Amino acid sequence: MLGIFEKAGCPVLLASGTHPYERIAVPCLDLQASHNALESAMDISADLFNTIEALLAQPSKYIGTEKEGEDYDLLKKTVSDVALAYRLSIRRVELPGNPIHSFSQALDNYNLQVNEINGTSNGGRLRRIFYPDIPWSVVRRAKPSSLLIPVIEEIP
């Protein structure tokens, strides 16, 4: 799957029979990736007149660092900023617990998820066990159709 995505270099729709896309979810894991995925979802929503919800994983109160808390606050602000820029509403859904499990369960209620995905593999089997690729794990476990947006490289 990674090979196809790397070669395509354009958005890829993994259809799983959940059309019509009335409810769109954007799992927000990373600040830049979430911003790009939200903008893509807003573009789709403008044509289809559907609802968009941003799924946010709350950092753990017990093992979360201060930086994770700040990143979480920035993610919430990014969702609000994108909604304001497009003059549409995005409902924030804040989910506790492991992001992979909580997103996968929450995505059962949606018809389409929009993710920005990095096409490169992140190492061997042992590395994938200890450092899982969260966006790909969410896509693999979720039931709705997935629109995968390639990473937009910043030009220096």
N, C-alpha and C. Protein backbone atom coordinates (compact mmCIF):
# COMPACT_ATOMS: atom_id res chain seq x y z
N MET A 1 0.82 -1.19 0.00
CA MET A 1 0.00 0.00 0.00
C MET A 1 0.87 1.26 0.00
N LEU A 2 1.94 1.22 0.81
CA LEU A 2 2.83 2.38 0.86
C LEU A 2 3.44 2.68 -0.50
N GLY A 3 3.80 1.64 -1.24
CA GLY A 3 4.42 1.84 -2.54
C GLY A 3 3.50 2.55 -3.51
N ILE A 4 2.23 2.17 -3.53
CA ILE A 4 1.26 2.81 -4.42
C ILE A 4 1.10 4.27 -4.04
N PHE A 5 1.00 4.51 -2.75
CA PHE A 5 0.79 5.88 -2.27
C PHE A 5 1.98 6.77 -2.61
N GLU A 6 3.21 6.23 -2.45
CA GLU A 6 4.40 7.01 -2.77
C GLU A 6 4.47 7.35 -4.26
N LYS A 7 4.11 6.40 -5.11
CA LYS A 7 4.19 6.61 -6.55
C LYS A 7 3.11 7.55 -7.07
N ALA A 8 1.94 7.52 -6.45
CA ALA A 8 0.83 8.34 -6.93
C ALA A 8 1.12 9.82 -6.74
N GLY A 9 1.58 10.21 -5.56
CA GLY A 9 1.89 11.62 -5.30
C GLY A 9 0.68 12.53 -5.31
N CYS A 10 -0.50 11.96 -5.18
CA CYS A 10 -1.73 12.74 -5.17
C CYS A 10 -2.68 12.11 -4.14
N PRO A 11 -3.75 12.80 -3.79
CA PRO A 11 -4.69 12.19 -2.84
C PRO A 11 -5.23 10.85 -3.35
N VAL A 12 -5.37 9.92 -2.42
CA VAL A 12 -5.86 8.58 -2.75
C VAL A 12 -7.08 8.29 -1.89
N LEU A 13 -8.15 7.82 -2.51
CA LEU A 13 -9.37 7.46 -1.79
C LEU A 13 -9.41 5.95 -1.64
N LEU A 14 -9.44 5.49 -0.38
CA LEU A 14 -9.63 4.07 -0.09
C LEU A 14 -11.10 3.89 0.22
N ALA A 15 -11.86 3.50 -0.78
CA ALA A 15 -13.31 3.38 -0.63
C ALA A 15 -13.66 2.08 0.09
N SER A 16 -14.55 2.20 1.06
CA SER A 16 -14.99 1.00 1.78
C SER A 16 -16.51 0.94 1.85
N GLY A 17 -17.18 1.53 0.88
CA GLY A 17 -18.62 1.40 0.78
C GLY A 17 -19.42 2.26 1.74
N THR A 18 -18.87 3.35 2.21
CA THR A 18 -19.59 4.21 3.15
C THR A 18 -20.15 5.47 2.49
N HIS A 19 -20.30 5.42 1.18
CA HIS A 19 -20.84 6.56 0.44
C HIS A 19 -22.35 6.60 0.63
N PRO A 20 -23.04 7.69 0.77
CA PRO A 20 -22.62 9.08 0.60
C PRO A 20 -21.86 9.58 1.83
N TYR A 21 -20.96 10.49 1.59
CA TYR A 21 -20.10 11.00 2.65
C TYR A 21 -20.78 12.16 3.37
N GLU A 22 -21.71 11.82 4.27
CA GLU A 22 -22.46 12.84 4.99
C GLU A 22 -21.70 13.36 6.21
N ARG A 23 -20.94 12.48 6.85
CA ARG A 23 -20.17 12.88 8.03
C ARG A 23 -18.70 12.62 7.77
N ILE A 24 -17.91 13.69 7.86
CA ILE A 24 -16.47 13.60 7.62
C ILE A 24 -15.74 13.79 8.94
N ALA A 25 -14.77 12.91 9.20
CA ALA A 25 -13.94 13.03 10.39
C ALA A 25 -12.50 13.31 9.97
N VAL A 26 -11.85 14.17 10.74
CA VAL A 26 -10.44 14.46 10.51
C VAL A 26 -9.70 14.14 11.80
N PRO A 27 -9.03 12.97 11.88
CA PRO A 27 -8.24 12.65 13.07
C PRO A 27 -7.03 13.58 13.14
N CYS A 28 -6.97 14.40 14.18
CA CYS A 28 -5.90 15.40 14.32
C CYS A 28 -4.81 14.84 15.22
N LEU A 29 -3.67 14.53 14.63
CA LEU A 29 -2.56 13.96 15.38
C LEU A 29 -1.36 14.89 15.42
N ASP A 30 -1.14 15.61 14.34
CA ASP A 30 0.03 16.46 14.19
C ASP A 30 -0.45 17.83 13.74
N LEU A 31 0.22 18.87 14.18
CA LEU A 31 -0.24 20.23 13.90
C LEU A 31 -0.31 20.53 12.41
N GLN A 32 0.79 20.34 11.68
CA GLN A 32 0.81 20.66 10.25
C GLN A 32 -0.08 19.72 9.45
N ALA A 33 0.00 18.42 9.75
CA ALA A 33 -0.81 17.44 9.02
C ALA A 33 -2.29 17.68 9.25
N SER A 34 -2.66 18.03 10.47
CA SER A 34 -4.06 18.29 10.78
C SER A 34 -4.56 19.51 10.03
N HIS A 35 -3.74 20.53 9.94
CA HIS A 35 -4.13 21.75 9.22
C HIS A 35 -4.41 21.44 7.75
N ASN A 36 -3.52 20.69 7.12
CA ASN A 36 -3.69 20.34 5.70
C ASN A 36 -4.90 19.44 5.49
N ALA A 37 -5.10 18.47 6.38
CA ALA A 37 -6.25 17.56 6.26
C ALA A 37 -7.55 18.31 6.49
N LEU A 38 -7.56 19.25 7.44
CA LEU A 38 -8.77 20.05 7.69
C LEU A 38 -9.11 20.90 6.48
N GLU A 39 -8.11 21.50 5.86
CA GLU A 39 -8.36 22.31 4.67
C GLU A 39 -8.92 21.46 3.53
N SER A 40 -8.39 20.26 3.36
CA SER A 40 -8.91 19.37 2.33
C SER A 40 -10.34 18.96 2.63
N ALA A 41 -10.64 18.68 3.89
CA ALA A 41 -12.01 18.32 4.28
C ALA A 41 -12.96 19.49 4.06
N MET A 42 -12.50 20.71 4.32
CA MET A 42 -13.34 21.88 4.10
C MET A 42 -13.63 22.07 2.61
N ASP A 43 -12.65 21.81 1.76
CA ASP A 43 -12.87 21.90 0.32
C ASP A 43 -13.92 20.88 -0.13
N ILE A 44 -13.85 19.68 0.40
CA ILE A 44 -14.84 18.65 0.07
C ILE A 44 -16.21 19.05 0.59
N SER A 45 -16.24 19.54 1.80
CA SER A 45 -17.50 19.91 2.44
C SER A 45 -18.21 21.04 1.69
N ALA A 46 -17.45 21.93 1.11
CA ALA A 46 -18.05 23.04 0.36
C ALA A 46 -18.86 22.53 -0.83
N ASP A 47 -18.44 21.42 -1.40
CA ASP A 47 -19.15 20.85 -2.55
C ASP A 47 -20.28 19.90 -2.15
N LEU A 48 -20.09 19.18 -1.06
CA LEU A 48 -21.06 18.14 -0.68
C LEU A 48 -22.03 18.56 0.42
N PHE A 49 -21.79 19.70 1.04
CA PHE A 49 -22.66 20.22 2.11
C PHE A 49 -22.85 19.19 3.23
N ASN A 50 -21.76 18.73 3.80
CA ASN A 50 -21.83 17.78 4.89
C ASN A 50 -21.15 18.32 6.13
N THR A 51 -21.17 17.55 7.22
CA THR A 51 -20.60 18.01 8.48
C THR A 51 -19.18 17.48 8.63
N ILE A 52 -18.36 18.31 9.27
CA ILE A 52 -16.97 17.94 9.55
C ILE A 52 -16.76 17.97 11.05
N GLU A 53 -16.08 16.94 11.54
CA GLU A 53 -15.72 16.89 12.95
C GLU A 53 -14.23 16.57 13.06
N ALA A 54 -13.55 17.32 13.90
CA ALA A 54 -12.13 17.10 14.16
C ALA A 54 -12.01 16.22 15.40
N LEU A 55 -11.33 15.10 15.26
CA LEU A 55 -11.11 14.19 16.38
C LEU A 55 -9.76 14.51 17.00
N LEU A 56 -9.76 14.83 18.28
CA LEU A 56 -8.54 15.19 19.00
C LEU A 56 -8.29 14.20 20.12
N ALA A 57 -7.06 13.73 20.25
CA ALA A 57 -6.69 12.81 21.33
C ALA A 57 -6.17 13.62 22.50
N GLN A 58 -6.87 13.53 23.62
CA GLN A 58 -6.45 14.25 24.82
C GLN A 58 -5.16 13.63 25.36
N PRO A 59 -4.19 14.45 25.73
CA PRO A 59 -2.97 13.89 26.32
C PRO A 59 -3.28 13.31 27.71
N SER A 60 -2.54 12.29 28.07
CA SER A 60 -2.74 11.64 29.36
C SER A 60 -2.40 12.58 30.50
N LYS A 61 -3.22 12.55 31.53
CA LYS A 61 -2.96 13.38 32.71
C LYS A 61 -1.78 12.85 33.51
N TYR A 62 -1.50 11.56 33.38
CA TYR A 62 -0.49 10.93 34.22
C TYR A 62 0.88 10.86 33.57
N ILE A 63 0.93 10.59 32.28
CA ILE A 63 2.24 10.44 31.63
C ILE A 63 2.49 11.48 30.55
N GLY A 64 1.53 12.36 30.32
CA GLY A 64 1.70 13.40 29.31
C GLY A 64 2.66 14.48 29.78
N THR A 65 3.45 15.01 28.86
CA THR A 65 4.39 16.06 29.20
C THR A 65 3.73 17.43 28.99
N GLU A 66 4.41 18.45 29.46
CA GLU A 66 3.90 19.81 29.29
C GLU A 66 3.85 20.19 27.80
N LYS A 67 4.84 19.72 27.04
CA LYS A 67 4.86 20.00 25.60
C LYS A 67 3.65 19.36 24.90
N GLU A 68 3.27 18.16 25.30
CA GLU A 68 2.09 17.51 24.71
C GLU A 68 0.83 18.32 25.00
N GLY A 69 0.75 18.88 26.21
CA GLY A 69 -0.39 19.73 26.56
C GLY A 69 -0.43 20.99 25.70
N GLU A 70 0.75 21.59 25.47
CA GLU A 70 0.81 22.78 24.62
C GLU A 70 0.45 22.44 23.17
N ASP A 71 0.94 21.30 22.68
CA ASP A 71 0.60 20.87 21.31
C ASP A 71 -0.90 20.63 21.18
N TYR A 72 -1.50 20.07 22.20
CA TYR A 72 -2.94 19.81 22.19
C TYR A 72 -3.72 21.13 22.11
N ASP A 73 -3.28 22.11 22.89
CA ASP A 73 -3.94 23.43 22.85
C ASP A 73 -3.77 24.08 21.47
N LEU A 74 -2.59 23.91 20.85
CA LEU A 74 -2.37 24.45 19.50
C LEU A 74 -3.25 23.74 18.47
N LEU A 75 -3.46 22.43 18.64
CA LEU A 75 -4.35 21.70 17.74
C LEU A 75 -5.77 22.23 17.83
N LYS A 76 -6.24 22.48 19.05
CA LYS A 76 -7.59 23.02 19.22
C LYS A 76 -7.70 24.40 18.57
N LYS A 77 -6.65 25.21 18.72
CA LYS A 77 -6.65 26.54 18.11
C LYS A 77 -6.62 26.44 16.58
N THR A 78 -5.87 25.50 16.05
CA THR A 78 -5.80 25.30 14.60
C THR A 78 -7.16 24.94 14.03
N VAL A 79 -7.88 24.06 14.72
CA VAL A 79 -9.23 23.68 14.27
C VAL A 79 -10.12 24.92 14.21
N SER A 80 -10.07 25.74 15.25
CA SER A 80 -10.88 26.97 15.27
C SER A 80 -10.46 27.94 14.17
N ASP A 81 -9.15 28.08 13.95
CA ASP A 81 -8.65 29.01 12.93
C ASP A 81 -9.06 28.59 11.52
N VAL A 82 -8.97 27.29 11.23
CA VAL A 82 -9.36 26.81 9.89
C VAL A 82 -10.85 27.01 9.68
N ALA A 83 -11.64 26.72 10.71
CA ALA A 83 -13.10 26.91 10.60
C ALA A 83 -13.43 28.38 10.36
N LEU A 84 -12.73 29.26 11.05
CA LEU A 84 -12.96 30.70 10.89
C LEU A 84 -12.55 31.17 9.49
N ALA A 85 -11.43 30.65 8.98
CA ALA A 85 -10.96 31.05 7.65
C ALA A 85 -11.94 30.63 6.56
N TYR A 86 -12.55 29.48 6.72
CA TYR A 86 -13.49 28.99 5.71
C TYR A 86 -14.94 29.39 6.01
N ARG A 87 -15.14 30.01 7.14
CA ARG A 87 -16.47 30.44 7.57
C ARG A 87 -17.46 29.28 7.62
N LEU A 88 -16.98 28.16 8.09
CA LEU A 88 -17.80 26.98 8.31
C LEU A 88 -17.55 26.48 9.72
N SER A 89 -18.41 25.63 10.20
CA SER A 89 -18.22 25.12 11.56
C SER A 89 -17.58 23.74 11.52
N ILE A 90 -16.66 23.54 12.42
CA ILE A 90 -16.03 22.24 12.63
C ILE A 90 -16.25 21.89 14.09
N ARG A 91 -16.90 20.79 14.33
CA ARG A 91 -17.14 20.36 15.71
C ARG A 91 -15.90 19.61 16.19
N ARG A 92 -15.44 19.96 17.39
CA ARG A 92 -14.30 19.27 17.99
C ARG A 92 -14.80 18.13 18.87
N VAL A 93 -14.25 16.96 18.67
CA VAL A 93 -14.56 15.80 19.50
C VAL A 93 -13.27 15.40 20.20
N GLU A 94 -13.24 15.56 21.52
CA GLU A 94 -12.04 15.28 22.28
C GLU A 94 -12.15 13.88 22.88
N LEU A 95 -11.21 13.02 22.52
CA LEU A 95 -11.26 11.61 22.91
C LEU A 95 -10.12 11.28 23.87
N PRO A 96 -10.43 10.63 24.99
CA PRO A 96 -9.38 10.23 25.93
C PRO A 96 -8.76 8.90 25.51
N GLY A 97 -7.59 8.62 26.05
CA GLY A 97 -6.98 7.31 25.85
C GLY A 97 -6.05 7.23 24.66
N ASN A 98 -5.71 6.00 24.33
CA ASN A 98 -4.80 5.70 23.23
C ASN A 98 -5.40 6.21 21.93
N PRO A 99 -4.68 7.06 21.20
CA PRO A 99 -5.24 7.64 19.97
C PRO A 99 -5.67 6.60 18.93
N ILE A 100 -4.90 5.54 18.78
CA ILE A 100 -5.23 4.54 17.77
C ILE A 100 -6.57 3.88 18.11
N HIS A 101 -6.73 3.45 19.35
CA HIS A 101 -7.97 2.77 19.75
C HIS A 101 -9.15 3.73 19.79
N SER A 102 -8.96 4.89 20.38
CA SER A 102 -10.09 5.82 20.51
C SER A 102 -10.54 6.35 19.15
N PHE A 103 -9.60 6.67 18.26
CA PHE A 103 -9.97 7.13 16.92
C PHE A 103 -10.67 6.02 16.13
N SER A 104 -10.12 4.80 16.21
CA SER A 104 -10.72 3.69 15.46
C SER A 104 -12.15 3.43 15.89
N GLN A 105 -12.43 3.51 17.19
CA GLN A 105 -13.79 3.30 17.68
C GLN A 105 -14.70 4.46 17.28
N ALA A 106 -14.21 5.68 17.41
CA ALA A 106 -15.03 6.85 17.09
C ALA A 106 -15.33 6.93 15.60
N LEU A 107 -14.43 6.47 14.76
CA LEU A 107 -14.61 6.56 13.31
C LEU A 107 -15.72 5.66 12.78
N ASP A 108 -16.21 4.73 13.60
CA ASP A 108 -17.32 3.88 13.17
C ASP A 108 -18.57 4.69 12.86
N ASN A 109 -18.68 5.89 13.43
CA ASN A 109 -19.87 6.72 13.26
C ASN A 109 -19.78 7.67 12.06
N TYR A 110 -18.72 7.58 11.27
CA TYR A 110 -18.50 8.51 10.17
C TYR A 110 -18.50 7.77 8.84
N ASN A 111 -18.64 8.54 7.75
CA ASN A 111 -18.64 7.97 6.41
C ASN A 111 -17.29 8.13 5.70
N LEU A 112 -16.50 9.13 6.12
CA LEU A 112 -15.22 9.41 5.47
C LEU A 112 -14.27 9.99 6.48
N GLN A 113 -13.02 9.54 6.42
CA GLN A 113 -11.98 10.18 7.22
C GLN A 113 -10.95 10.77 6.26
N VAL A 114 -10.41 11.92 6.64
CA VAL A 114 -9.40 12.60 5.83
C VAL A 114 -8.13 12.69 6.65
N ASN A 115 -7.05 12.09 6.14
CA ASN A 115 -5.77 12.07 6.85
C ASN A 115 -4.66 12.53 5.92
N GLU A 116 -3.70 13.26 6.48
CA GLU A 116 -2.47 13.51 5.75
C GLU A 116 -1.49 12.43 6.17
N ILE A 117 -1.00 11.69 5.20
CA ILE A 117 -0.19 10.51 5.48
C ILE A 117 1.17 10.65 4.82
N ASN A 118 2.21 10.27 5.56
CA ASN A 118 3.56 10.22 5.02
C ASN A 118 3.72 8.86 4.35
N GLY A 119 4.13 8.84 3.11
CA GLY A 119 4.21 7.60 2.35
C GLY A 119 5.41 6.73 2.67
N THR A 120 6.37 7.22 3.42
CA THR A 120 7.58 6.44 3.65
C THR A 120 7.40 5.51 4.84
N SER A 121 8.02 4.37 4.74
CA SER A 121 7.99 3.39 5.83
C SER A 121 8.94 3.86 6.92
N ASN A 122 8.61 3.48 8.16
CA ASN A 122 9.44 3.96 9.27
C ASN A 122 10.29 2.86 9.87
N GLY A 123 10.87 2.01 9.06
CA GLY A 123 11.82 1.05 9.56
C GLY A 123 11.31 -0.38 9.57
N GLY A 124 12.08 -1.24 10.28
CA GLY A 124 11.76 -2.65 10.34
C GLY A 124 10.65 -2.99 11.32
N ARG A 125 10.44 -4.29 11.46
CA ARG A 125 9.35 -4.78 12.30
C ARG A 125 9.51 -4.35 13.76
N LEU A 126 10.70 -4.49 14.32
CA LEU A 126 10.91 -4.12 15.72
C LEU A 126 10.68 -2.63 15.94
N ARG A 127 11.13 -1.80 15.04
CA ARG A 127 10.91 -0.36 15.16
C ARG A 127 9.42 -0.03 15.09
N ARG A 128 8.68 -0.71 14.21
CA ARG A 128 7.24 -0.46 14.10
C ARG A 128 6.49 -0.86 15.36
N ILE A 129 7.01 -1.83 16.10
CA ILE A 129 6.36 -2.24 17.35
C ILE A 129 6.52 -1.15 18.40
N PHE A 130 7.71 -0.61 18.55
CA PHE A 130 7.97 0.37 19.60
C PHE A 130 7.64 1.80 19.19
N TYR A 131 7.64 2.10 17.91
CA TYR A 131 7.31 3.43 17.40
C TYR A 131 6.28 3.29 16.27
N PRO A 132 5.03 3.01 16.63
CA PRO A 132 4.02 2.77 15.58
C PRO A 132 3.73 4.04 14.79
N ASP A 133 3.40 3.85 13.54
CA ASP A 133 2.98 4.95 12.67
C ASP A 133 1.49 5.16 12.93
N ILE A 134 1.17 6.12 13.78
CA ILE A 134 -0.20 6.30 14.26
C ILE A 134 -1.18 6.59 13.12
N PRO A 135 -0.89 7.52 12.20
CA PRO A 135 -1.86 7.76 11.12
C PRO A 135 -2.18 6.52 10.29
N TRP A 136 -1.16 5.73 9.93
CA TRP A 136 -1.42 4.52 9.15
C TRP A 136 -2.20 3.51 9.98
N SER A 137 -1.91 3.41 11.27
CA SER A 137 -2.64 2.47 12.13
C SER A 137 -4.11 2.84 12.21
N VAL A 138 -4.39 4.14 12.30
CA VAL A 138 -5.79 4.59 12.35
C VAL A 138 -6.49 4.26 11.04
N VAL A 139 -5.83 4.49 9.91
CA VAL A 139 -6.43 4.20 8.60
C VAL A 139 -6.70 2.70 8.46
N ARG A 140 -5.75 1.87 8.86
CA ARG A 140 -5.92 0.42 8.72
C ARG A 140 -7.06 -0.12 9.58
N ARG A 141 -7.25 0.42 10.77
CA ARG A 141 -8.26 -0.11 11.69
C ARG A 141 -9.65 0.48 11.50
N ALA A 142 -9.75 1.61 10.86
CA ALA A 142 -11.04 2.30 10.76
C ALA A 142 -11.92 1.68 9.67
N LYS A 143 -13.23 1.75 9.89
CA LYS A 143 -14.19 1.19 8.94
C LYS A 143 -14.59 2.13 7.81
N PRO A 144 -14.64 3.45 8.03
CA PRO A 144 -15.11 4.30 6.92
C PRO A 144 -14.08 4.43 5.80
N SER A 145 -14.52 4.96 4.69
CA SER A 145 -13.62 5.26 3.58
C SER A 145 -12.58 6.28 4.05
N SER A 146 -11.41 6.23 3.43
CA SER A 146 -10.32 7.12 3.84
C SER A 146 -9.80 7.90 2.64
N LEU A 147 -9.70 9.21 2.81
CA LEU A 147 -9.05 10.05 1.81
C LEU A 147 -7.67 10.38 2.36
N LEU A 148 -6.65 9.89 1.68
CA LEU A 148 -5.27 10.08 2.13
C LEU A 148 -4.65 11.22 1.34
N ILE A 149 -4.20 12.22 2.06
CA ILE A 149 -3.57 13.39 1.47
C ILE A 149 -2.06 13.23 1.65
N PRO A 150 -1.26 13.31 0.57
CA PRO A 150 0.19 13.21 0.74
C PRO A 150 0.74 14.41 1.50
N VAL A 151 1.84 14.19 2.17
CA VAL A 151 2.48 15.25 2.94
C VAL A 151 2.90 16.36 2.00
N ILE A 152 2.56 17.58 2.38
CA ILE A 152 2.94 18.75 1.60
C ILE A 152 4.28 19.23 2.13
N GLU A 153 5.30 19.11 1.30
CA GLU A 153 6.65 19.52 1.70
C GLU A 153 6.74 21.03 1.72
N GLU A 154 7.35 21.55 2.78
CA GLU A 154 7.57 23.00 2.85
C GLU A 154 8.82 23.35 2.07
N ILE A 155 8.73 24.38 1.26
CA ILE A 155 9.87 24.83 0.47
C ILE A 155 10.66 25.84 1.29
N PRO A 156 11.97 25.58 1.50
CA PRO A 156 12.75 26.50 2.34
C PRO A 156 12.97 27.84 1.69
